[in-house]
Amino acid sequence: MSAGDFETAVRRLLGHVGHWETGRWHAPARAGGTRGAVVFALVQRLADLAADAEQSRHRPVPRLADTVLPDQLRVMADDLIAATPPAEVLTSVTAAVSATHEAL
């Protein structure tokens, strides 16, 4: 998969969750945990993959209010694209974004 496929998957997920208010984020996800926890796990994964691509250390993403998660997702996705990860990373993370969308 390409960077374009990844960006499309992220846009779809953001279109789904971008307007959510606090109550929807606190609802249970199909995958277990809250919807906010599931999306935050994806945000942290994107940050870790971007760090790997840049050959830098992993850093924890601050856990802010759930309503900030769409912005954090957008920033981490942009950071990952800017780091130009290998194609296999893009394939894996595109599948993770799609799986997260389904898990909500």
Protein backbone atom coordinates (compact mmCIF):
# COMPACT_ATOMS: atom_id res chain seq x y z
CA MET A 1 0.00 0.00 0.00
CA SER A 2 1.02 3.56 -0.54
CA ALA A 3 1.07 6.73 1.51
CA GLY A 4 -2.11 7.71 -0.35
CA ASP A 5 -3.90 4.56 0.84
CA PHE A 6 -2.82 5.32 4.40
CA GLU A 7 -4.02 8.91 4.14
CA THR A 8 -7.36 7.75 2.74
CA ALA A 9 -7.85 5.33 5.65
CA VAL A 10 -7.00 8.08 8.13
CA ARG A 11 -9.43 10.51 6.46
CA ARG A 12 -12.19 7.89 6.66
CA LEU A 13 -11.55 7.33 10.35
CA LEU A 14 -11.43 11.07 11.02
CA GLY A 15 -14.68 11.52 9.12
CA HIS A 16 -16.24 8.95 11.41
CA VAL A 17 -14.96 10.25 14.77
CA GLY A 18 -14.06 13.89 14.14
CA HIS A 19 -17.38 15.26 15.37
CA TRP A 20 -17.82 13.02 18.43
CA GLU A 21 -18.51 14.55 21.81
CA THR A 22 -17.27 13.14 25.11
CA GLY A 23 -20.10 10.65 25.59
CA ARG A 24 -19.42 8.84 22.33
CA TRP A 25 -15.71 8.55 23.15
CA HIS A 26 -16.51 6.93 26.50
CA ALA A 27 -18.80 4.31 24.96
CA PRO A 28 -17.48 0.75 24.76
CA ALA A 29 -15.66 -0.21 21.57
CA ARG A 30 -16.36 -3.49 19.81
CA ALA A 31 -12.75 -4.47 20.47
CA GLY A 32 -13.06 -3.86 24.21
CA GLY A 33 -12.21 -0.79 26.24
CA THR A 34 -13.58 2.60 25.38
CA ARG A 35 -13.58 4.11 21.93
CA GLY A 36 -11.18 6.76 23.22
CA ALA A 37 -8.73 4.13 24.46
CA VAL A 38 -8.82 2.29 21.13
CA VAL A 39 -8.10 5.44 19.11
CA PHE A 40 -5.42 6.58 21.55
CA ALA A 41 -3.64 3.23 21.14
CA LEU A 42 -3.58 3.87 17.38
CA VAL A 43 -2.23 7.40 17.93
CA GLN A 44 0.60 6.01 20.06
CA ARG A 45 1.36 3.34 17.47
CA LEU A 46 1.62 5.98 14.75
CA ALA A 47 3.98 8.01 16.93
CA ASP A 48 6.16 4.95 17.58
CA LEU A 49 6.30 4.05 13.89
CA ALA A 50 7.25 7.62 12.97
CA ALA A 51 10.03 7.51 15.57
CA ASP A 52 11.25 4.20 14.15
CA ALA A 53 11.30 5.63 10.61
CA GLU A 54 13.26 8.64 11.87
CA GLN A 55 15.54 6.40 13.91
CA SER A 56 14.70 8.23 17.10
CA ARG A 57 13.44 7.08 20.46
CA HIS A 58 9.81 6.39 21.24
CA ARG A 59 8.06 9.02 23.29
CA PRO A 60 4.69 8.76 24.98
CA VAL A 61 1.95 10.81 23.39
CA PRO A 62 0.20 12.92 26.04
CA ARG A 63 -3.22 11.55 26.91
CA LEU A 64 -5.41 14.61 26.60
CA ALA A 65 -9.19 14.86 26.47
CA ASP A 66 -10.87 12.37 24.16
CA THR A 67 -12.24 15.21 22.05
CA VAL A 68 -8.63 16.07 21.09
CA LEU A 69 -7.97 12.58 19.69
CA PRO A 70 -8.91 13.48 16.08
CA ASP A 71 -6.30 16.25 16.14
CA GLN A 72 -3.69 13.95 17.67
CA LEU A 73 -4.49 11.31 15.06
CA ARG A 74 -4.12 13.83 12.24
CA VAL A 75 -0.77 15.10 13.57
CA MET A 76 0.68 11.62 14.13
CA ALA A 77 -0.46 10.49 10.68
CA ASP A 78 1.20 13.53 9.12
CA ASP A 79 4.37 12.89 11.12
CA LEU A 80 4.47 9.30 9.93
CA ILE A 81 4.07 10.31 6.29
CA ALA A 82 6.80 12.94 6.68
CA ALA A 83 9.15 10.27 8.07
CA THR A 84 8.77 8.27 4.81
CA PRO A 85 8.44 4.81 6.30
CA PRO A 86 9.01 1.68 4.19
CA ALA A 87 6.09 0.28 2.18
CA GLU A 88 5.59 -2.66 4.53
CA VAL A 89 5.10 -0.23 7.45
CA LEU A 90 2.50 1.70 5.44
CA THR A 91 0.70 -1.53 4.61
CA SER A 92 0.66 -2.60 8.26
CA VAL A 93 -0.43 0.75 9.62
CA THR A 94 -3.12 1.19 6.96
CA ALA A 95 -4.57 -2.13 8.09
CA ALA A 96 -4.35 -0.93 11.71
CA VAL A 97 -6.25 2.25 10.89
CA SER A 98 -8.95 0.25 9.12
CA ALA A 99 -9.12 -2.24 12.01
CA THR A 100 -9.47 0.62 14.48
CA HIS A 101 -12.33 2.05 12.41
CA GLU A 102 -14.07 -1.34 12.46
CA ALA A 103 -13.42 -1.77 16.20
CA LEU A 104 -15.34 1.36 17.06
